[in-house]
Amino acid sequence: MSVAVASHSFPKHATLRRELEARYPDAVYNGTGRPLAGDDLVRFLRGHERAITGLEVLDQAVFSAVPELRIVSKYGVGLDMIDLAAASRSGVSVRWTRGVNRQAVAELAIAFMLVLGRSTVTLAREIRDGGWRQPGGRQLSSASVGIVGCGDIGQQVARLAAAFGARILAHDIRDYDAFYHELGVTPLALDALLAEADFVTVHVPLDASTRGLIGAREIARMKPSAFLVNTARGGIVDEAALKAALIEGRLAGAACDVYAIEPPVDRELLLLPNFVGTPHIGGSTEEAALAMGRAAITGLDDPARQIS
């Protein structure tokens, strides 16, 4: 039985290819170097009952065009690219493993906080161009870190930030009282967290309830000295509102690894001196890639990984 690996990242890792082919020697791979979409995705998936997908959009049109597809195993943790209701209607089992890239994403979020607090990216650019400015900065150890979304990744960010000595604030629609008590986290309503935190870092999934969650109103509640970090999904933070706040000095700085459109198209935002952007690399470490790939391979044969 053949497997179609639509994820363009998966086949870059020889170890993952070897481990997949030990189970499925006829596996086929997306060699375009980019996510597949539309007719290209349909053509690639046709004739296969099982698939591993990454950033591909799987909607009713795709499922209807490939009725033989029965199992989709996700490479990565974000599910916003898959219409789960359409999958269920089409009899497609979607397999997923939570938290497999938590350490990689959490480390990047902490790195962003350190970079923003000390203006290291801006100062590195300046010294390269002959500048010599020493504006100071702030330590993470004396800051309040507000975590919006305290699931697998958010909790790991909390642990790492607490190790620096930061005070941890959290907001989530779920109850994580045991974790909050264990680490000494202060749970707050979103508005209160935004008003109090020195760093706000976003770790919620993208869905109808979180799209535009951090917009102009929410950014206006943050302190002018505060920093905003988004390593979750583009679309959660309103990029136009963020850009306006950075330009007008209503926010000290921001860092994003994800964007509403990828690659991002707003050059003005990317070139701001108080903005740091990276190209969606949060889960791209060698360790995270192996963990995500192995989870996707396991999901092909393990019905326990199915999303209920």
C-alpha atoms as a PDB file:
ATOM      1  CA  MET A   1       0.000   0.000   0.000  1.00  0.00           C
ATOM      2  CA  SER A   2       1.547   3.287  -1.135  1.00  0.00           C
ATOM      3  CA  VAL A   3       1.715   6.517   0.848  1.00  0.00           C
ATOM      4  CA  ALA A   4       1.727   9.995  -0.698  1.00  0.00           C
ATOM      5  CA  VAL A   5       3.945  12.376   1.289  1.00  0.00           C
ATOM      6  CA  ALA A   6       2.664  15.833   0.336  1.00  0.00           C
ATOM      7  CA  SER A   7       4.719  17.652   2.973  1.00  0.00           C
ATOM      8  CA  HIS A   8       7.715  19.203   1.220  1.00  0.00           C
ATOM      9  CA  SER A   9       9.719  19.260   4.469  1.00  0.00           C
ATOM     10  CA  PHE A  10       9.399  15.568   5.332  1.00  0.00           C
ATOM     11  CA  PRO A  11      11.502  14.178   2.448  1.00  0.00           C
ATOM     12  CA  LYS A  12      14.419  16.504   3.249  1.00  0.00           C
ATOM     13  CA  HIS A  13      15.306  14.162   6.112  1.00  0.00           C
ATOM     14  CA  ALA A  14      16.951  10.931   4.983  1.00  0.00           C
ATOM     15  CA  THR A  15      16.213   9.296   8.335  1.00  0.00           C
ATOM     16  CA  LEU A  16      12.484   9.881   7.948  1.00  0.00           C
ATOM     17  CA  ARG A  17      12.477   8.576   4.392  1.00  0.00           C
ATOM     18  CA  ARG A  18      14.327   5.455   5.491  1.00  0.00           C
ATOM     19  CA  GLU A  19      11.967   4.816   8.414  1.00  0.00           C
ATOM     20  CA  LEU A  20       8.860   5.396   6.289  1.00  0.00           C
ATOM     21  CA  GLU A  21      10.085   3.161   3.464  1.00  0.00           C
ATOM     22  CA  ALA A  22      10.743   0.358   5.939  1.00  0.00           C
ATOM     23  CA  ARG A  23       6.952   0.203   6.314  1.00  0.00           C
ATOM     24  CA  TYR A  24       5.888   1.605   2.941  1.00  0.00           C
ATOM     25  CA  PRO A  25       8.599   0.937   0.328  1.00  0.00           C
ATOM     26  CA  ASP A  26       6.503   2.497  -2.461  1.00  0.00           C
ATOM     27  CA  ALA A  27       6.072   5.871  -0.747  1.00  0.00           C
ATOM     28  CA  VAL A  28       6.059   8.862  -3.108  1.00  0.00           C
ATOM     29  CA  TYR A  29       7.261  12.335  -2.184  1.00  0.00           C
ATOM     30  CA  ASN A  30       6.514  15.945  -3.060  1.00  0.00           C
ATOM     31  CA  GLY A  31       9.794  17.100  -4.551  1.00  0.00           C
ATOM     32  CA  THR A  32       8.699  20.616  -5.541  1.00  0.00           C
ATOM     33  CA  GLY A  33      10.144  22.245  -2.416  1.00  0.00           C
ATOM     34  CA  ARG A  34       6.807  23.948  -1.665  1.00  0.00           C
ATOM     35  CA  PRO A  35       3.359  23.043  -0.310  1.00  0.00           C
ATOM     36  CA  LEU A  36       0.977  21.646  -2.909  1.00  0.00           C
ATOM     37  CA  ALA A  37      -2.410  23.216  -3.541  1.00  0.00           C
ATOM     38  CA  GLY A  38      -5.498  22.852  -5.697  1.00  0.00           C
ATOM     39  CA  ASP A  39      -5.195  20.635  -8.766  1.00  0.00           C
ATOM     40  CA  ASP A  40      -1.519  19.930  -8.048  1.00  0.00           C
ATOM     41  CA  LEU A  41      -2.420  18.507  -4.646  1.00  0.00           C
ATOM     42  CA  VAL A  42      -5.299  16.468  -6.051  1.00  0.00           C
ATOM     43  CA  ARG A  43      -3.100  14.967  -8.781  1.00  0.00           C
ATOM     44  CA  PHE A  44      -0.428  14.084  -6.239  1.00  0.00           C
ATOM     45  CA  LEU A  45      -2.851  12.382  -3.846  1.00  0.00           C
ATOM     46  CA  ARG A  46      -4.811  10.412  -6.429  1.00  0.00           C
ATOM     47  CA  GLY A  47      -4.403   6.666  -6.237  1.00  0.00           C
ATOM     48  CA  HIS A  48      -3.342   6.731  -2.580  1.00  0.00           C
ATOM     49  CA  GLU A  49      -5.315   5.629   0.457  1.00  0.00           C
ATOM     50  CA  ARG A  50      -2.866   7.198   2.894  1.00  0.00           C
ATOM     51  CA  ALA A  51      -1.064  10.533   2.981  1.00  0.00           C
ATOM     52  CA  ILE A  52       1.264  12.592   5.135  1.00  0.00           C
ATOM     53  CA  THR A  53       0.544  16.317   4.853  1.00  0.00           C
ATOM     54  CA  GLY A  54       2.109  19.453   6.279  1.00  0.00           C
ATOM     55  CA  LEU A  55       0.998  22.908   5.121  1.00  0.00           C
ATOM     56  CA  GLU A  56      -1.377  21.602   2.451  1.00  0.00           C
ATOM     57  CA  VAL A  57      -4.983  22.807   2.613  1.00  0.00           C
ATOM     58  CA  LEU A  58      -7.313  19.796   2.741  1.00  0.00           C
ATOM     59  CA  ASP A  59     -10.933  20.817   2.228  1.00  0.00           C
ATOM     60  CA  GLN A  60     -14.119  19.293   0.884  1.00  0.00           C
ATOM     61  CA  ALA A  61     -13.030  19.879  -2.708  1.00  0.00           C
ATOM     62  CA  VAL A  62      -9.850  17.846  -2.181  1.00  0.00           C
ATOM     63  CA  PHE A  63     -11.590  15.026  -0.322  1.00  0.00           C
ATOM     64  CA  SER A  64     -14.293  14.823  -2.991  1.00  0.00           C
ATOM     65  CA  ALA A  65     -11.699  14.743  -5.777  1.00  0.00           C
ATOM     66  CA  VAL A  66      -9.736  11.933  -4.090  1.00  0.00           C
ATOM     67  CA  PRO A  67     -12.415   9.573  -2.743  1.00  0.00           C
ATOM     68  CA  GLU A  68      -9.878   6.773  -2.325  1.00  0.00           C
ATOM     69  CA  LEU A  69      -8.049   8.735   0.381  1.00  0.00           C
ATOM     70  CA  ARG A  70      -8.824   7.164   3.762  1.00  0.00           C
ATOM     71  CA  ILE A  71      -6.061   8.274   6.177  1.00  0.00           C
ATOM     72  CA  VAL A  72      -4.265  11.602   6.547  1.00  0.00           C
ATOM     73  CA  SER A  73      -1.427  11.771   9.075  1.00  0.00           C
ATOM     74  CA  LYS A  74      -0.273  15.283  10.004  1.00  0.00           C
ATOM     75  CA  TYR A  75       3.383  16.335   9.866  1.00  0.00           C
ATOM     76  CA  GLY A  76       3.357  19.090  12.484  1.00  0.00           C
ATOM     77  CA  VAL A  77       0.898  20.190  15.139  1.00  0.00           C
ATOM     78  CA  GLY A  78      -1.266  22.852  13.449  1.00  0.00           C
ATOM     79  CA  LEU A  79      -4.634  21.607  12.240  1.00  0.00           C
ATOM     80  CA  ASP A  80      -5.925  24.839  10.720  1.00  0.00           C
ATOM     81  CA  MET A  81      -5.063  23.590   7.214  1.00  0.00           C
ATOM     82  CA  ILE A  82      -7.455  20.611   7.462  1.00  0.00           C
ATOM     83  CA  ASP A  83     -11.259  20.890   7.345  1.00  0.00           C
ATOM     84  CA  LEU A  84     -11.980  18.247   9.971  1.00  0.00           C
ATOM     85  CA  ALA A  85     -15.727  18.315   9.378  1.00  0.00           C
ATOM     86  CA  ALA A  86     -15.193  17.709   5.654  1.00  0.00           C
ATOM     87  CA  ALA A  87     -12.781  14.884   6.452  1.00  0.00           C
ATOM     88  CA  SER A  88     -15.392  13.253   8.690  1.00  0.00           C
ATOM     89  CA  ARG A  89     -18.109  13.595   6.066  1.00  0.00           C
ATOM     90  CA  SER A  90     -15.794  12.006   3.498  1.00  0.00           C
ATOM     91  CA  GLY A  91     -14.822   9.111   5.744  1.00  0.00           C
ATOM     92  CA  VAL A  92     -11.202  10.267   6.065  1.00  0.00           C
ATOM     93  CA  SER A  93      -9.423   9.520   9.329  1.00  0.00           C
ATOM     94  CA  VAL A  94      -7.150  12.417  10.347  1.00  0.00           C
ATOM     95  CA  ARG A  95      -4.274  11.345  12.594  1.00  0.00           C
ATOM     96  CA  TRP A  96      -2.379  13.857  14.758  1.00  0.00           C
ATOM     97  CA  THR A  97       0.060  13.874  17.678  1.00  0.00           C
ATOM     98  CA  ARG A  98       0.051  16.874  19.973  1.00  0.00           C
ATOM     99  CA  GLY A  99       3.066  18.704  21.315  1.00  0.00           C
ATOM    100  CA  VAL A 100       5.788  17.069  19.216  1.00  0.00           C
ATOM    101  CA  ASN A 101       7.494  20.407  18.434  1.00  0.00           C
ATOM    102  CA  ARG A 102       6.858  22.111  21.777  1.00  0.00           C
ATOM    103  CA  GLN A 103      10.507  22.495  22.736  1.00  0.00           C
ATOM    104  CA  ALA A 104      11.583  23.953  19.393  1.00  0.00           C
ATOM    105  CA  VAL A 105       8.798  26.543  19.293  1.00  0.00           C
ATOM    106  CA  ALA A 106       9.191  27.418  22.967  1.00  0.00           C
ATOM    107  CA  GLU A 107      12.927  28.016  22.538  1.00  0.00           C
ATOM    108  CA  LEU A 108      12.286  30.326  19.581  1.00  0.00           C
ATOM    109  CA  ALA A 109       9.736  32.310  21.599  1.00  0.00           C
ATOM    110  CA  ILE A 110      12.278  32.751  24.405  1.00  0.00           C
ATOM    111  CA  ALA A 111      14.947  33.707  21.871  1.00  0.00           C
ATOM    112  CA  PHE A 112      12.638  36.407  20.519  1.00  0.00           C
ATOM    113  CA  MET A 113      12.146  37.794  24.019  1.00  0.00           C
ATOM    114  CA  LEU A 114      15.892  37.973  24.591  1.00  0.00           C
ATOM    115  CA  VAL A 115      16.474  39.584  21.192  1.00  0.00           C
ATOM    116  CA  LEU A 116      13.724  42.162  21.657  1.00  0.00           C
ATOM    117  CA  GLY A 117      14.679  43.011  25.227  1.00  0.00           C
ATOM    118  CA  ARG A 118      18.251  43.837  24.245  1.00  0.00           C
ATOM    119  CA  SER A 119      17.630  45.139  20.667  1.00  0.00           C
ATOM    120  CA  THR A 120      20.310  42.728  19.453  1.00  0.00           C
ATOM    121  CA  VAL A 121      19.074  42.396  15.871  1.00  0.00           C
ATOM    122  CA  THR A 122      18.750  46.164  15.420  1.00  0.00           C
ATOM    123  CA  LEU A 123      22.142  46.844  16.993  1.00  0.00           C
ATOM    124  CA  ALA A 124      23.809  44.114  14.919  1.00  0.00           C
ATOM    125  CA  ARG A 125      22.504  45.788  11.759  1.00  0.00           C
ATOM    126  CA  GLU A 126      23.708  49.181  12.963  1.00  0.00           C
ATOM    127  CA  ILE A 127      27.239  48.086  13.854  1.00  0.00           C
ATOM    128  CA  ARG A 128      27.533  46.330  10.496  1.00  0.00           C
ATOM    129  CA  ASP A 129      26.751  49.683   8.885  1.00  0.00           C
ATOM    130  CA  GLY A 130      29.286  51.559  11.010  1.00  0.00           C
ATOM    131  CA  GLY A 131      27.064  52.561  13.906  1.00  0.00           C
ATOM    132  CA  TRP A 132      27.935  52.354  17.586  1.00  0.00           C
ATOM    133  CA  ARG A 133      24.933  52.833  19.862  1.00  0.00           C
ATOM    134  CA  GLN A 134      24.446  51.438  23.364  1.00  0.00           C
ATOM    135  CA  PRO A 135      20.799  51.946  24.299  1.00  0.00           C
ATOM    136  CA  GLY A 136      20.688  49.439  27.151  1.00  0.00           C
ATOM    137  CA  GLY A 137      17.700  47.136  27.424  1.00  0.00           C
ATOM    138  CA  ARG A 138      15.906  44.932  29.870  1.00  0.00           C
ATOM    139  CA  GLN A 139      16.460  41.484  31.350  1.00  0.00           C
ATOM    140  CA  LEU A 140      13.990  38.658  30.997  1.00  0.00           C
ATOM    141  CA  SER A 141      14.749  37.749  34.613  1.00  0.00           C
ATOM    142  CA  SER A 142      12.955  40.860  35.897  1.00  0.00           C
ATOM    143  CA  ALA A 143      10.075  40.816  33.416  1.00  0.00           C
ATOM    144  CA  SER A 144       6.475  39.665  33.523  1.00  0.00           C
ATOM    145  CA  VAL A 145       5.837  37.204  30.677  1.00  0.00           C
ATOM    146  CA  GLY A 146       2.217  36.900  29.573  1.00  0.00           C
ATOM    147  CA  ILE A 147       1.390  33.633  27.807  1.00  0.00           C
ATOM    148  CA  VAL A 148      -1.760  33.637  25.692  1.00  0.00           C
ATOM    149  CA  GLY A 149      -2.618  29.953  25.307  1.00  0.00           C
ATOM    150  CA  CYS A 150      -1.143  27.633  27.924  1.00  0.00           C
ATOM    151  CA  GLY A 151      -1.290  24.257  26.190  1.00  0.00           C
ATOM    152  CA  ASP A 152       1.748  22.124  25.354  1.00  0.00           C
ATOM    153  CA  ILE A 153       3.875  24.918  23.872  1.00  0.00           C
ATOM    154  CA  GLY A 154       2.648  27.629  26.219  1.00  0.00           C
ATOM    155  CA  GLN A 155       3.478  25.505  29.241  1.00  0.00           C
ATOM    156  CA  GLN A 156       6.975  24.850  27.923  1.00  0.00           C
ATOM    157  CA  VAL A 157       7.485  28.590  27.376  1.00  0.00           C
ATOM    158  CA  ALA A 158       6.368  29.116  30.969  1.00  0.00           C
ATOM    159  CA  ARG A 159       8.930  26.615  32.251  1.00  0.00           C
ATOM    160  CA  LEU A 160      11.770  28.187  30.274  1.00  0.00           C
ATOM    161  CA  ALA A 161      10.830  31.762  31.200  1.00  0.00           C
ATOM    162  CA  ALA A 162      10.490  30.791  34.862  1.00  0.00           C
ATOM    163  CA  ALA A 163      14.011  29.339  34.748  1.00  0.00           C
ATOM    164  CA  PHE A 164      15.234  32.857  33.901  1.00  0.00           C
ATOM    165  CA  GLY A 165      13.381  34.155  36.938  1.00  0.00           C
ATOM    166  CA  ALA A 166      10.532  35.847  35.058  1.00  0.00           C
ATOM    167  CA  ARG A 167       7.091  36.233  36.586  1.00  0.00           C
ATOM    168  CA  ILE A 168       4.622  34.175  34.554  1.00  0.00           C
ATOM    169  CA  LEU A 169       1.088  35.281  33.672  1.00  0.00           C
ATOM    170  CA  ALA A 170      -1.253  33.104  31.622  1.00  0.00           C
ATOM    171  CA  HIS A 171      -4.578  33.259  29.827  1.00  0.00           C
ATOM    172  CA  ASP A 172      -6.424  30.267  28.427  1.00  0.00           C
ATOM    173  CA  ILE A 173     -10.031  29.192  27.945  1.00  0.00           C
ATOM    174  CA  ARG A 174      -9.094  25.825  29.483  1.00  0.00           C
ATOM    175  CA  ASP A 175      -8.409  25.075  33.129  1.00  0.00           C
ATOM    176  CA  TYR A 176      -4.736  24.400  33.884  1.00  0.00           C
ATOM    177  CA  ASP A 177      -4.910  24.990  37.640  1.00  0.00           C
ATOM    178  CA  ALA A 178      -2.582  22.097  38.522  1.00  0.00           C
ATOM    179  CA  PHE A 179       0.121  23.419  36.203  1.00  0.00           C
ATOM    180  CA  TYR A 180      -0.369  27.009  37.380  1.00  0.00           C
ATOM    181  CA  HIS A 181       0.006  25.891  41.001  1.00  0.00           C
ATOM    182  CA  GLU A 182       3.071  23.778  40.226  1.00  0.00           C
ATOM    183  CA  LEU A 183       4.951  26.624  38.531  1.00  0.00           C
ATOM    184  CA  GLY A 184       3.495  29.593  40.392  1.00  0.00           C
ATOM    185  CA  VAL A 185       1.725  30.977  37.320  1.00  0.00           C
ATOM    186  CA  THR A 186      -0.813  33.784  37.736  1.00  0.00           C
ATOM    187  CA  PRO A 187      -3.924  33.166  35.571  1.00  0.00           C
ATOM    188  CA  LEU A 188      -5.581  36.327  34.253  1.00  0.00           C
ATOM    189  CA  ALA A 189      -8.273  37.458  31.874  1.00  0.00           C
ATOM    190  CA  LEU A 190      -6.852  38.460  28.509  1.00  0.00           C
ATOM    191  CA  ASP A 191      -7.261  42.215  29.002  1.00  0.00           C
ATOM    192  CA  ALA A 192      -5.577  42.095  32.412  1.00  0.00           C
ATOM    193  CA  LEU A 193      -2.691  40.035  31.058  1.00  0.00           C
ATOM    194  CA  LEU A 194      -2.127  42.421  28.156  1.00  0.00           C
ATOM    195  CA  ALA A 195      -2.085  45.430  30.471  1.00  0.00           C
ATOM    196  CA  GLU A 196       0.383  43.892  32.926  1.00  0.00           C
ATOM    197  CA  ALA A 197       2.879  41.870  30.855  1.00  0.00           C
ATOM    198  CA  ASP A 198       6.258  43.129  29.656  1.00  0.00           C
ATOM    199  CA  PHE A 199       6.320  40.359  27.036  1.00  0.00           C
ATOM    200  CA  VAL A 200       3.179  38.878  25.504  1.00  0.00           C
ATOM    201  CA  THR A 201       3.705  35.612  23.644  1.00  0.00           C
ATOM    202  CA  VAL A 202       0.926  33.915  21.643  1.00  0.00           C
ATOM    203  CA  HIS A 203       0.444  30.126  21.669  1.00  0.00           C
ATOM    204  CA  VAL A 204      -3.146  29.406  20.597  1.00  0.00           C
ATOM    205  CA  PRO A 205      -4.324  27.483  17.523  1.00  0.00           C
ATOM    206  CA  LEU A 206      -5.844  29.397  14.628  1.00  0.00           C
ATOM    207  CA  ASP A 207      -9.589  28.897  14.348  1.00  0.00           C
ATOM    208  CA  ALA A 208     -12.713  31.030  14.134  1.00  0.00           C
ATOM    209  CA  SER A 209     -12.440  31.983  17.818  1.00  0.00           C
ATOM    210  CA  THR A 210      -8.790  33.117  17.644  1.00  0.00           C
ATOM    211  CA  ARG A 211      -8.574  34.795  14.226  1.00  0.00           C
ATOM    212  CA  GLY A 212      -7.770  38.442  14.971  1.00  0.00           C
ATOM    213  CA  LEU A 213      -7.542  37.680  18.702  1.00  0.00           C
ATOM    214  CA  ILE A 214      -4.782  40.271  19.109  1.00  0.00           C
ATOM    215  CA  GLY A 215      -6.099  43.275  17.203  1.00  0.00           C
ATOM    216  CA  ALA A 216      -5.924  47.043  17.541  1.00  0.00           C
ATOM    217  CA  ARG A 217      -7.981  47.074  20.744  1.00  0.00           C
ATOM    218  CA  GLU A 218      -5.822  44.419  22.416  1.00  0.00           C
ATOM    219  CA  ILE A 219      -2.537  46.004  21.337  1.00  0.00           C
ATOM    220  CA  ALA A 220      -3.759  49.341  22.723  1.00  0.00           C
ATOM    221  CA  ARG A 221      -4.107  47.719  26.143  1.00  0.00           C
ATOM    222  CA  MET A 222      -0.415  46.758  26.197  1.00  0.00           C
ATOM    223  CA  LYS A 223       2.206  48.980  27.801  1.00  0.00           C
ATOM    224  CA  PRO A 224       4.210  51.154  25.341  1.00  0.00           C
ATOM    225  CA  SER A 225       7.323  49.483  26.778  1.00  0.00           C
ATOM    226  CA  ALA A 226       6.012  45.967  26.093  1.00  0.00           C
ATOM    227  CA  PHE A 227       6.914  43.469  23.372  1.00  0.00           C
ATOM    228  CA  LEU A 228       4.672  41.101  21.386  1.00  0.00           C
ATOM    229  CA  VAL A 229       5.800  37.667  20.139  1.00  0.00           C
ATOM    230  CA  ASN A 230       3.861  35.392  17.757  1.00  0.00           C
ATOM    231  CA  THR A 231       5.190  31.924  16.979  1.00  0.00           C
ATOM    232  CA  ALA A 232       1.721  30.335  16.709  1.00  0.00           C
ATOM    233  CA  ARG A 233      -0.134  31.119  13.465  1.00  0.00           C
ATOM    234  CA  GLY A 234      -0.512  34.107  11.210  1.00  0.00           C
ATOM    235  CA  GLY A 235      -3.983  35.594  11.409  1.00  0.00           C
ATOM    236  CA  ILE A 236      -4.098  35.531  15.211  1.00  0.00           C
ATOM    237  CA  VAL A 237      -2.324  38.903  15.369  1.00  0.00           C
ATOM    238  CA  ASP A 238      -3.654  41.748  13.219  1.00  0.00           C
ATOM    239  CA  GLU A 239      -0.482  42.693  11.319  1.00  0.00           C
ATOM    240  CA  ALA A 240      -1.794  46.081  10.182  1.00  0.00           C
ATOM    241  CA  ALA A 241      -2.645  47.056  13.766  1.00  0.00           C
ATOM    242  CA  LEU A 242       0.733  45.766  14.923  1.00  0.00           C
ATOM    243  CA  LYS A 243       2.582  47.793  12.296  1.00  0.00           C
ATOM    244  CA  ALA A 244       0.713  50.970  13.231  1.00  0.00           C
ATOM    245  CA  ALA A 245       1.533  50.518  16.920  1.00  0.00           C
ATOM    246  CA  LEU A 246       5.224  49.934  16.178  1.00  0.00           C
ATOM    247  CA  ILE A 247       5.467  52.967  13.889  1.00  0.00           C
ATOM    248  CA  GLU A 248       3.673  55.230  16.352  1.00  0.00           C
ATOM    249  CA  GLY A 249       5.705  54.056  19.352  1.00  0.00           C
ATOM    250  CA  ARG A 250       2.702  52.564  21.143  1.00  0.00           C
ATOM    251  CA  LEU A 251       4.573  49.261  21.393  1.00  0.00           C
ATOM    252  CA  ALA A 252       8.302  48.829  22.004  1.00  0.00           C
ATOM    253  CA  GLY A 253       8.806  45.943  19.615  1.00  0.00           C
ATOM    254  CA  ALA A 254       7.487  42.704  18.146  1.00  0.00           C
ATOM    255  CA  ALA A 255       8.725  39.455  16.661  1.00  0.00           C
ATOM    256  CA  CYS A 256       6.832  37.073  14.377  1.00  0.00           C
ATOM    257  CA  ASP A 257       7.662  33.693  12.921  1.00  0.00           C
ATOM    258  CA  VAL A 258       4.254  33.364  11.249  1.00  0.00           C
ATOM    259  CA  TYR A 259       2.165  35.603   8.999  1.00  0.00           C
ATOM    260  CA  ALA A 260      -1.346  35.865   7.574  1.00  0.00           C
ATOM    261  CA  ILE A 261       0.186  35.376   4.105  1.00  0.00           C
ATOM    262  CA  GLU A 262       3.378  33.339   3.793  1.00  0.00           C
ATOM    263  CA  PRO A 263       5.836  34.486   2.589  1.00  0.00           C
ATOM    264  CA  PRO A 264       4.767  37.858   4.064  1.00  0.00           C
ATOM    265  CA  VAL A 265       4.001  40.695   1.658  1.00  0.00           C
ATOM    266  CA  ASP A 266       4.117  43.730   3.961  1.00  0.00           C
ATOM    267  CA  ARG A 267       7.677  44.938   3.422  1.00  0.00           C
ATOM    268  CA  GLU A 268       7.059  48.035   5.500  1.00  0.00           C
ATOM    269  CA  LEU A 269       6.410  45.894   8.569  1.00  0.00           C
ATOM    270  CA  LEU A 270       9.398  43.654   7.921  1.00  0.00           C
ATOM    271  CA  LEU A 271      11.776  46.617   7.607  1.00  0.00           C
ATOM    272  CA  LEU A 272      10.753  48.368  10.823  1.00  0.00           C
ATOM    273  CA  PRO A 273      13.726  48.657  13.206  1.00  0.00           C
ATOM    274  CA  ASN A 274      11.650  47.407  16.145  1.00  0.00           C
ATOM    275  CA  PHE A 275      10.336  44.333  14.317  1.00  0.00           C
ATOM    276  CA  VAL A 276      12.072  40.954  14.010  1.00  0.00           C
ATOM    277  CA  GLY A 277      10.768  38.413  11.518  1.00  0.00           C
ATOM    278  CA  THR A 278      11.734  34.835  10.740  1.00  0.00           C
ATOM    279  CA  PRO A 279      10.352  32.537   7.985  1.00  0.00           C
ATOM    280  CA  HIS A 280       8.134  30.104   9.957  1.00  0.00           C
ATOM    281  CA  ILE A 281      11.035  28.154  11.439  1.00  0.00           C
ATOM    282  CA  GLY A 282       9.533  27.438  14.867  1.00  0.00           C
ATOM    283  CA  GLY A 283       9.278  23.694  14.353  1.00  0.00           C
ATOM    284  CA  SER A 284      12.186  23.350  11.947  1.00  0.00           C
ATOM    285  CA  THR A 285      14.938  22.122  14.241  1.00  0.00           C
ATOM    286  CA  GLU A 286      16.469  18.749  13.465  1.00  0.00           C
ATOM    287  CA  GLU A 287      15.058  17.310  16.672  1.00  0.00           C
ATOM    288  CA  ALA A 288      11.539  18.641  16.056  1.00  0.00           C
ATOM    289  CA  ALA A 289      11.538  17.501  12.421  1.00  0.00           C
ATOM    290  CA  LEU A 290      12.389  13.954  13.465  1.00  0.00           C
ATOM    291  CA  ALA A 291       9.762  13.954  16.218  1.00  0.00           C
ATOM    292  CA  MET A 292       7.072  15.309  13.889  1.00  0.00           C
ATOM    293  CA  GLY A 293       8.036  12.920  11.097  1.00  0.00           C
ATOM    294  CA  ARG A 294       8.062   9.858  13.329  1.00  0.00           C
ATOM    295  CA  ALA A 295       4.697  10.845  14.768  1.00  0.00           C
ATOM    296  CA  ALA A 296       3.317  11.176  11.235  1.00  0.00           C
ATOM    297  CA  ILE A 297       4.671   7.735  10.286  1.00  0.00           C
ATOM    298  CA  THR A 298       3.147   6.182  13.399  1.00  0.00           C
ATOM    299  CA  GLY A 299      -0.170   7.885  12.662  1.00  0.00           C
ATOM    300  CA  LEU A 300      -0.503   6.052   9.357  1.00  0.00           C
ATOM    301  CA  ASP A 301      -1.069   2.781  11.223  1.00  0.00           C
ATOM    302  CA  ASP A 302      -2.263   3.857  14.670  1.00  0.00           C
ATOM    303  CA  PRO A 303      -6.004   4.586  14.922  1.00  0.00           C
ATOM    304  CA  ALA A 304      -5.435   5.845  18.464  1.00  0.00           C
ATOM    305  CA  ARG A 305      -3.931   8.980  16.881  1.00  0.00           C
ATOM    306  CA  GLN A 306      -7.239   9.827  15.202  1.00  0.00           C
ATOM    307  CA  ILE A 307      -8.756  13.168  16.144  1.00  0.00           C
ATOM    308  CA  SER A 308     -12.127  12.639  17.758  1.00  0.00           C
END
